[in-house]
Amino acid sequence: MSNRALLEVIALDVEDAVAAQAGGADRLELVTDMAADGLTPPRETFAAIRAAVDIPLRVMLRAADGFAAGDVEGLLKDARELRAEGAQEFVLGFLNPDGTPDLKAVEALVAELDGCRWTFHRAIDRAADRDGLRKALADLPGLDTYLTAGAADGVDAGLPTLLAEAARRGEPGYGPRILVGGGLGLHHLPQLRAAGVDAFHIGGAARPEGWSAPVNPAAVAQWREALA
């Protein structure tokens, strides 16, 4: 059994997706509008990317910047259309204004996803109580991953939290995989890997020339090599 870690790369379009796969990405997170930190991509974009690559795709379900659910009916419609197009894995996460998980919105979407696997994204890094959020979501079907930096300000600030949560693997609420992303650097990998973390998420790190440029396969390959 290989201990190869999972490398997930943000893709905005077909060019990104093909480059990420060429560089060795194991999975893509599909979003649009990084100025708003990543929103639901058009179903046409999903379909084009699905036709262009053969690695797993996780599709963002998020209607607006921030962590409020907003138009839940619109999100449910997006989820239905994306599933009809063949999407099988998703990314979502919503908070109430007080920083508690918006269970009503999350549960509505999870019901629509009908068993599809999904990631609760970095809304956890804005939660009033991370442990409480994990326990509140623990029994939701399909939840297999938390995308987290450990802190709202990124991995530099969140590293102690990530290490502490990795050590709680298997406790109630701590079953889902930790997918580290948000200010993640290559220099963080040894400590995280030593703690048993085995999934990593990059966006800007795959684009040395910035978000206006496509994913660079060589940059992805550098991460893939570091995680081999």
Protein backbone atom coordinates (compact mmCIF):
# COMPACT_ATOMS: atom_id res chain seq x y z
CA MET A 1 0.00 0.00 0.00
CA SER A 2 1.53 3.31 -1.05
CA ASN A 3 1.75 6.17 1.43
CA ARG A 4 1.59 8.61 -1.46
CA ALA A 5 -0.16 11.80 -0.40
CA LEU A 6 -3.05 13.33 -2.31
CA LEU A 7 -2.37 16.56 -4.21
CA GLU A 8 -5.43 18.62 -5.13
CA VAL A 9 -5.06 21.63 -7.45
CA ILE A 10 -7.55 24.44 -8.09
CA ALA A 11 -8.64 24.58 -11.74
CA LEU A 12 -10.63 27.36 -13.37
CA ASP A 13 -10.80 25.98 -16.91
CA VAL A 14 -9.71 23.21 -19.25
CA GLU A 15 -6.19 24.63 -19.68
CA ASP A 16 -5.67 24.57 -15.90
CA ALA A 17 -7.07 21.06 -15.62
CA VAL A 18 -4.88 19.59 -18.34
CA ALA A 19 -1.78 21.29 -16.93
CA ALA A 20 -2.53 20.15 -13.38
CA GLN A 21 -3.02 16.55 -14.48
CA ALA A 22 0.19 16.69 -16.54
CA GLY A 23 2.07 17.91 -13.45
CA GLY A 24 0.83 15.01 -11.36
CA ALA A 25 -2.25 16.33 -9.57
CA ASP A 26 -4.41 13.58 -8.09
CA ARG A 27 -7.61 15.61 -7.97
CA LEU A 28 -8.94 19.00 -9.03
CA GLU A 29 -11.13 21.49 -7.22
CA LEU A 30 -13.22 23.27 -9.85
CA VAL A 31 -14.21 26.88 -9.16
CA THR A 32 -14.79 30.13 -10.92
CA ASP A 33 -14.07 33.72 -9.81
CA MET A 34 -11.06 33.55 -7.51
CA ALA A 35 -11.56 37.25 -6.77
CA ALA A 36 -14.47 35.98 -4.65
CA ASP A 37 -12.34 33.09 -3.33
CA GLY A 38 -13.95 30.52 -5.62
CA LEU A 39 -17.60 30.15 -6.65
CA THR A 40 -19.65 27.46 -8.41
CA PRO A 41 -18.36 26.99 -11.97
CA PRO A 42 -20.77 26.84 -14.92
CA ARG A 43 -21.93 23.34 -15.77
CA GLU A 44 -20.43 23.81 -19.26
CA THR A 45 -17.02 24.35 -17.69
CA PHE A 46 -17.41 21.19 -15.62
CA ALA A 47 -18.45 19.22 -18.71
CA ALA A 48 -15.48 20.49 -20.74
CA ILE A 49 -13.01 19.68 -17.94
CA ARG A 50 -14.57 16.26 -17.33
CA ALA A 51 -14.04 15.48 -21.02
CA ALA A 52 -10.43 16.71 -20.95
CA VAL A 53 -8.99 14.89 -17.90
CA ASP A 54 -9.53 11.59 -16.15
CA ILE A 55 -8.64 12.44 -12.55
CA PRO A 56 -11.34 13.08 -9.92
CA LEU A 57 -13.03 16.49 -9.83
CA ARG A 58 -14.54 18.17 -6.79
CA VAL A 59 -16.91 20.99 -7.73
CA MET A 60 -17.45 24.07 -5.57
CA LEU A 61 -21.01 24.89 -4.47
CA ARG A 62 -20.81 28.53 -3.38
CA ALA A 63 -22.92 31.43 -4.62
CA ALA A 64 -21.09 34.47 -3.24
CA ASP A 65 -17.95 35.62 -1.45
CA GLY A 66 -17.96 34.92 2.27
CA PHE A 67 -19.36 31.97 4.18
CA ALA A 68 -23.09 32.71 4.29
CA ALA A 69 -25.13 30.26 2.21
CA GLY A 70 -27.09 32.99 0.44
CA ASP A 71 -29.32 31.62 -2.31
CA VAL A 72 -29.80 28.03 -1.15
CA GLU A 73 -32.41 27.30 -3.83
CA GLY A 74 -29.93 28.44 -6.46
CA LEU A 75 -27.26 26.19 -4.97
CA LEU A 76 -29.63 23.23 -5.00
CA LYS A 77 -30.38 23.91 -8.67
CA ASP A 78 -26.64 24.13 -9.43
CA ALA A 79 -26.05 20.85 -7.62
CA ARG A 80 -28.84 19.13 -9.58
CA GLU A 81 -27.52 20.40 -12.91
CA LEU A 82 -23.92 19.47 -12.13
CA ARG A 83 -24.93 15.98 -11.03
CA ALA A 84 -26.94 15.60 -14.23
CA GLU A 85 -23.73 16.52 -16.09
CA GLY A 86 -21.87 13.76 -14.25
CA ALA A 87 -20.38 15.50 -11.20
CA GLN A 88 -19.91 13.08 -8.32
CA GLU A 89 -17.80 14.99 -5.78
CA PHE A 90 -18.36 18.46 -4.29
CA VAL A 91 -17.02 21.18 -2.00
CA LEU A 92 -19.25 23.29 0.26
CA GLY A 93 -19.49 24.89 3.69
CA PHE A 94 -21.63 27.59 5.27
CA LEU A 95 -21.67 29.47 8.55
CA ASN A 96 -24.30 31.47 10.38
CA PRO A 97 -23.39 35.06 11.34
CA ASP A 98 -22.37 33.86 14.82
CA GLY A 99 -19.80 31.46 13.37
CA THR A 100 -21.79 28.28 13.97
CA PRO A 101 -22.34 25.90 11.03
CA ASP A 102 -25.43 26.67 8.95
CA LEU A 103 -26.82 23.18 9.32
CA LYS A 104 -30.05 23.99 7.52
CA ALA A 105 -28.23 25.00 4.32
CA VAL A 106 -25.60 22.25 4.57
CA GLU A 107 -28.17 19.53 5.22
CA ALA A 108 -30.35 20.71 2.31
CA LEU A 109 -27.41 20.46 -0.08
CA VAL A 110 -26.22 17.15 1.31
CA ALA A 111 -29.71 15.74 0.77
CA GLU A 112 -29.57 16.93 -2.84
CA LEU A 113 -26.14 15.31 -3.28
CA ASP A 114 -27.66 11.99 -2.22
CA GLY A 115 -24.53 10.25 -1.00
CA CYS A 116 -21.93 12.03 -3.15
CA ARG A 117 -18.61 12.58 -1.39
CA TRP A 118 -17.86 16.15 -0.37
CA THR A 119 -15.36 18.43 1.33
CA PHE A 120 -16.30 21.00 3.98
CA HIS A 121 -14.07 23.88 2.93
CA ARG A 122 -12.25 26.64 4.76
CA ALA A 123 -15.39 27.96 6.42
CA ILE A 124 -14.08 25.81 9.29
CA ASP A 125 -11.23 28.31 9.65
CA ARG A 126 -13.80 31.05 10.39
CA ALA A 127 -15.90 28.93 12.74
CA ALA A 128 -16.50 30.12 16.31
CA ASP A 129 -15.82 26.58 17.56
CA ARG A 130 -13.96 24.18 15.27
CA ASP A 131 -14.49 21.18 17.51
CA GLY A 132 -18.20 21.96 17.83
CA LEU A 133 -18.52 22.31 14.06
CA ARG A 134 -16.85 18.96 13.45
CA LYS A 135 -19.14 17.23 15.93
CA ALA A 136 -22.25 18.94 14.51
CA LEU A 137 -21.40 17.68 11.01
CA ALA A 138 -20.06 14.27 12.05
CA ASP A 139 -23.06 12.21 10.93
CA LEU A 140 -23.72 13.89 7.59
CA PRO A 141 -23.52 11.42 4.69
CA GLY A 142 -20.69 11.87 2.19
CA LEU A 143 -18.50 14.19 4.28
CA ASP A 144 -15.00 12.74 3.90
CA THR A 145 -12.69 15.79 3.97
CA TYR A 146 -12.04 19.12 5.69
CA LEU A 147 -10.11 21.69 3.64
CA THR A 148 -8.37 23.78 6.28
CA ALA A 149 -5.33 25.92 7.01
CA GLY A 150 -5.95 25.60 10.75
CA ALA A 151 -6.58 29.35 10.96
CA ALA A 152 -8.21 32.11 8.92
CA ASP A 153 -4.78 33.67 8.29
CA GLY A 154 -3.29 30.54 6.71
CA VAL A 155 -1.07 27.61 7.52
CA ASP A 156 1.68 29.65 9.21
CA ALA A 157 -0.83 30.67 11.89
CA GLY A 158 -2.77 27.42 11.86
CA LEU A 159 0.00 24.82 12.00
CA PRO A 160 -0.41 24.05 15.74
CA THR A 161 -4.15 23.52 15.23
CA LEU A 162 -3.57 21.26 12.22
CA LEU A 163 -1.10 19.13 14.17
CA ALA A 164 -3.46 18.91 17.15
CA GLU A 165 -6.40 17.89 14.94
CA ALA A 166 -4.30 15.31 13.10
CA ALA A 167 -3.49 13.75 16.48
CA ARG A 168 -7.23 13.34 17.18
CA ARG A 169 -7.84 11.20 14.09
CA GLY A 170 -10.57 8.68 14.77
CA GLU A 171 -12.29 10.62 17.57
CA PRO A 172 -15.93 11.65 16.99
CA GLY A 173 -15.89 14.42 14.37
CA TYR A 174 -12.29 13.71 13.38
CA GLY A 175 -12.89 10.90 10.90
CA PRO A 176 -12.79 13.01 7.72
CA ARG A 177 -9.43 13.49 6.04
CA ILE A 178 -7.54 16.73 6.69
CA LEU A 179 -6.78 18.45 3.37
CA VAL A 180 -4.36 21.28 4.12
CA GLY A 181 -4.62 24.40 1.99
CA GLY A 182 -4.46 28.18 2.39
CA GLY A 183 -1.02 29.73 2.44
CA LEU A 184 0.54 26.27 2.27
CA GLY A 185 4.24 26.21 1.42
CA LEU A 186 6.64 23.40 0.60
CA HIS A 187 8.43 24.16 3.89
CA HIS A 188 5.33 23.11 5.83
CA LEU A 189 5.26 19.61 4.36
CA PRO A 190 7.80 17.75 6.54
CA GLN A 191 6.05 18.63 9.81
CA LEU A 192 2.58 17.91 8.43
CA ARG A 193 3.65 14.62 6.87
CA ALA A 194 5.31 13.56 10.13
CA ALA A 195 1.98 14.17 11.88
CA GLY A 196 0.24 11.85 9.43
CA VAL A 197 -1.40 14.48 7.24
CA ASP A 198 -1.66 13.03 3.73
CA ALA A 199 -3.68 15.48 1.61
CA PHE A 200 -2.66 18.90 0.30
CA HIS A 201 -4.42 21.61 -1.70
CA ILE A 202 -2.72 24.30 -3.79
CA GLY A 203 -3.99 27.22 -5.82
CA GLY A 204 -1.58 30.12 -6.12
CA ALA A 205 1.38 27.77 -5.59
CA ALA A 206 0.49 26.10 -8.90
CA ARG A 207 0.62 29.50 -10.63
CA PRO A 208 4.00 31.16 -10.11
CA GLU A 209 2.94 33.96 -12.47
CA GLY A 210 -0.25 34.73 -10.54
CA TRP A 211 -3.96 34.02 -10.93
CA SER A 212 -4.12 35.72 -14.33
CA ALA A 213 -1.87 32.94 -15.69
CA PRO A 214 -2.78 29.27 -16.05
CA VAL A 215 -1.59 26.40 -13.87
CA ASN A 216 2.08 25.63 -14.48
CA PRO A 217 2.71 21.87 -14.85
CA ALA A 218 6.28 22.23 -13.59
CA ALA A 219 5.08 23.93 -10.39
CA VAL A 220 2.58 21.10 -9.80
CA ALA A 221 5.31 18.54 -10.51
CA GLN A 222 7.54 20.15 -7.87
CA TRP A 223 4.81 19.59 -5.29
CA ARG A 224 4.13 16.09 -6.55
CA GLU A 225 7.82 15.23 -6.17
CA ALA A 226 7.93 16.71 -2.67
CA LEU A 227 4.95 14.55 -1.67
CA ALA A 228 6.08 11.33 -3.32
